[in-house]
Every structure is written in structure tokens, then in C-alpha cells.
Amino acid sequence: MKPRRDYDTAKLIDASIAVLRTRGMYVAARMLSEQGIPFATAQRVLRQPSLRRTYGDAVIH
């Protein structure tokens, strides 16, 4: 999978993973949905966060 070029989306995805850990799947998925992230992308990221793309050479934390 290619590295992500959009830093703002990378930060949003990173934040959603943090929300997933503290508030659960529903809240994290809704957060992404409200920001226009396609359902398939949100589902993949939230169900398999270890497989997410990186921004350049580093995961955004």
C-alpha cells in the first residue's frame, strides 16, 4: 500500500484510532463518516489499525 500524501487525513485517521480505543467503534466510525471518509476505508482502518497506511515513512501519532 502506498504511503499517504494527505497529512490532514492521516491525522484524522490517527485520531479515530485513539477514539476507537477509548470510546468504541461506533463513535470512531461516526467521526470518520462525518468527515467524509468512505465507509470501506473507515471499516478497514478501524478493524485493522495495524495495517493502516503511513504518512511518508512514519505513522502519525
N, C-alpha and C. Protein backbone atom coordinates (compact mmCIF):
# COMPACT_ATOMS: atom_id res chain seq x y z
N MET A 1 0.85 -1.17 0.00
CA MET A 1 0.00 0.00 0.00
C MET A 1 0.90 1.24 0.00
N LYS A 2 0.55 2.23 -0.79
CA LYS A 2 1.35 3.44 -0.90
C LYS A 2 1.21 4.31 0.35
N PRO A 3 2.28 5.04 0.69
CA PRO A 3 2.17 5.98 1.82
C PRO A 3 1.13 7.06 1.52
N ARG A 4 0.52 7.56 2.55
CA ARG A 4 -0.48 8.62 2.43
C ARG A 4 0.21 9.94 2.14
N ARG A 5 -0.36 10.75 1.24
CA ARG A 5 0.20 12.06 0.92
C ARG A 5 -0.55 13.18 1.62
N ASP A 6 -1.73 12.92 2.11
CA ASP A 6 -2.58 13.93 2.73
C ASP A 6 -2.39 13.91 4.25
N TYR A 7 -1.62 14.84 4.77
CA TYR A 7 -1.29 14.88 6.20
C TYR A 7 -2.53 15.07 7.06
N ASP A 8 -3.47 15.91 6.63
CA ASP A 8 -4.68 16.15 7.43
C ASP A 8 -5.50 14.87 7.59
N THR A 9 -5.64 14.11 6.52
CA THR A 9 -6.38 12.85 6.62
C THR A 9 -5.62 11.86 7.49
N ALA A 10 -4.31 11.85 7.40
CA ALA A 10 -3.51 10.96 8.24
C ALA A 10 -3.74 11.29 9.72
N LYS A 11 -3.78 12.57 10.05
CA LYS A 11 -4.05 12.96 11.44
C LYS A 11 -5.45 12.55 11.87
N LEU A 12 -6.43 12.70 10.97
CA LEU A 12 -7.81 12.31 11.28
C LEU A 12 -7.90 10.80 11.54
N ILE A 13 -7.27 10.02 10.71
CA ILE A 13 -7.28 8.57 10.89
C ILE A 13 -6.62 8.20 12.21
N ASP A 14 -5.50 8.84 12.51
CA ASP A 14 -4.80 8.57 13.77
C ASP A 14 -5.71 8.90 14.95
N ALA A 15 -6.39 10.03 14.88
CA ALA A 15 -7.30 10.43 15.96
C ALA A 15 -8.46 9.43 16.09
N SER A 16 -8.96 8.94 14.97
CA SER A 16 -10.07 7.99 15.03
C SER A 16 -9.65 6.68 15.70
N ILE A 17 -8.41 6.27 15.50
CA ILE A 17 -7.91 5.06 16.16
C ILE A 17 -7.83 5.28 17.66
N ALA A 18 -7.42 6.47 18.07
CA ALA A 18 -7.40 6.80 19.50
C ALA A 18 -8.82 6.80 20.07
N VAL A 19 -9.78 7.35 19.32
CA VAL A 19 -11.17 7.35 19.76
C VAL A 19 -11.70 5.92 19.84
N LEU A 20 -11.33 5.09 18.89
CA LEU A 20 -11.74 3.68 18.91
C LEU A 20 -11.33 3.02 20.22
N ARG A 21 -10.12 3.28 20.64
CA ARG A 21 -9.60 2.65 21.87
C ARG A 21 -10.30 3.15 23.13
N THR A 22 -10.74 4.40 23.12
CA THR A 22 -11.34 4.98 24.34
C THR A 22 -12.86 5.01 24.33
N ARG A 23 -13.47 5.17 23.14
CA ARG A 23 -14.92 5.36 23.09
C ARG A 23 -15.65 4.29 22.29
N GLY A 24 -14.90 3.48 21.53
CA GLY A 24 -15.53 2.39 20.81
C GLY A 24 -15.69 2.62 19.32
N MET A 25 -16.09 1.53 18.66
CA MET A 25 -16.21 1.50 17.20
C MET A 25 -17.24 2.49 16.67
N TYR A 26 -18.41 2.56 17.30
CA TYR A 26 -19.48 3.42 16.79
C TYR A 26 -19.03 4.88 16.75
N VAL A 27 -18.46 5.37 17.82
CA VAL A 27 -18.05 6.77 17.89
C VAL A 27 -16.94 7.05 16.88
N ALA A 28 -15.98 6.14 16.78
CA ALA A 28 -14.87 6.33 15.83
C ALA A 28 -15.37 6.31 14.39
N ALA A 29 -16.25 5.39 14.06
CA ALA A 29 -16.79 5.30 12.71
C ALA A 29 -17.62 6.53 12.37
N ARG A 30 -18.40 7.00 13.32
CA ARG A 30 -19.20 8.20 13.09
C ARG A 30 -18.31 9.41 12.86
N MET A 31 -17.24 9.52 13.63
CA MET A 31 -16.29 10.62 13.47
C MET A 31 -15.74 10.65 12.04
N LEU A 32 -15.33 9.49 11.55
CA LEU A 32 -14.79 9.43 10.19
C LEU A 32 -15.86 9.73 9.15
N SER A 33 -17.03 9.18 9.35
CA SER A 33 -18.13 9.40 8.42
C SER A 33 -18.49 10.88 8.31
N GLU A 34 -18.52 11.56 9.43
CA GLU A 34 -18.85 12.99 9.43
C GLU A 34 -17.78 13.83 8.74
N GLN A 35 -16.60 13.28 8.60
CA GLN A 35 -15.51 13.99 7.91
C GLN A 35 -15.37 13.55 6.45
N GLY A 36 -16.31 12.73 5.98
CA GLY A 36 -16.34 12.35 4.57
C GLY A 36 -15.45 11.17 4.19
N ILE A 37 -15.01 10.42 5.17
CA ILE A 37 -14.20 9.23 4.87
C ILE A 37 -15.15 8.13 4.39
N PRO A 38 -14.86 7.52 3.23
CA PRO A 38 -15.73 6.44 2.73
C PRO A 38 -15.85 5.30 3.73
N PHE A 39 -17.02 4.68 3.77
CA PHE A 39 -17.30 3.61 4.72
C PHE A 39 -16.27 2.49 4.64
N ALA A 40 -15.92 2.05 3.43
CA ALA A 40 -14.98 0.95 3.28
C ALA A 40 -13.62 1.30 3.90
N THR A 41 -13.21 2.54 3.74
CA THR A 41 -11.94 2.98 4.32
C THR A 41 -12.03 3.01 5.83
N ALA A 42 -13.10 3.58 6.36
CA ALA A 42 -13.28 3.64 7.81
C ALA A 42 -13.31 2.24 8.41
N GLN A 43 -14.01 1.34 7.76
CA GLN A 43 -14.11 -0.03 8.25
C GLN A 43 -12.74 -0.69 8.27
N ARG A 44 -11.97 -0.54 7.20
CA ARG A 44 -10.65 -1.16 7.13
C ARG A 44 -9.73 -0.60 8.21
N VAL A 45 -9.71 0.70 8.34
CA VAL A 45 -8.81 1.35 9.30
C VAL A 45 -9.17 0.98 10.73
N LEU A 46 -10.44 0.98 11.06
CA LEU A 46 -10.85 0.74 12.43
C LEU A 46 -10.78 -0.74 12.82
N ARG A 47 -10.97 -1.62 11.87
CA ARG A 47 -10.90 -3.05 12.18
C ARG A 47 -9.48 -3.58 12.15
N GLN A 48 -8.62 -2.93 11.39
CA GLN A 48 -7.23 -3.39 11.27
C GLN A 48 -6.27 -2.19 11.35
N PRO A 49 -6.23 -1.50 12.48
CA PRO A 49 -5.40 -0.29 12.56
C PRO A 49 -3.92 -0.56 12.34
N SER A 50 -3.46 -1.76 12.60
CA SER A 50 -2.04 -2.06 12.39
C SER A 50 -1.67 -2.10 10.91
N LEU A 51 -2.67 -2.20 10.04
CA LEU A 51 -2.42 -2.24 8.60
C LEU A 51 -2.58 -0.88 7.92
N ARG A 52 -2.78 0.17 8.70
CA ARG A 52 -3.03 1.48 8.09
C ARG A 52 -1.81 1.99 7.36
N ARG A 53 -2.09 2.86 6.39
CA ARG A 53 -1.01 3.48 5.65
C ARG A 53 -0.27 4.45 6.55
N THR A 54 0.92 4.80 6.16
CA THR A 54 1.71 5.78 6.91
C THR A 54 1.77 7.08 6.13
N TYR A 55 2.21 8.12 6.79
CA TYR A 55 2.42 9.40 6.13
C TYR A 55 3.91 9.49 5.86
N GLY A 56 4.28 9.35 4.60
CA GLY A 56 5.69 9.30 4.28
C GLY A 56 6.28 8.03 4.85
N ASP A 57 7.26 8.16 5.70
CA ASP A 57 7.90 7.00 6.28
C ASP A 57 7.52 6.77 7.74
N ALA A 58 6.61 7.56 8.30
CA ALA A 58 6.31 7.45 9.71
C ALA A 58 4.81 7.44 9.94
N VAL A 59 4.37 6.65 10.90
CA VAL A 59 2.96 6.67 11.33
C VAL A 59 2.76 7.93 12.14
N ILE A 60 1.66 8.62 11.93
CA ILE A 60 1.34 9.84 12.67
C ILE A 60 0.78 9.45 14.03
N HIS A 61 1.36 9.95 15.10
CA HIS A 61 0.84 9.67 16.46
C HIS A 61 0.70 10.95 17.21
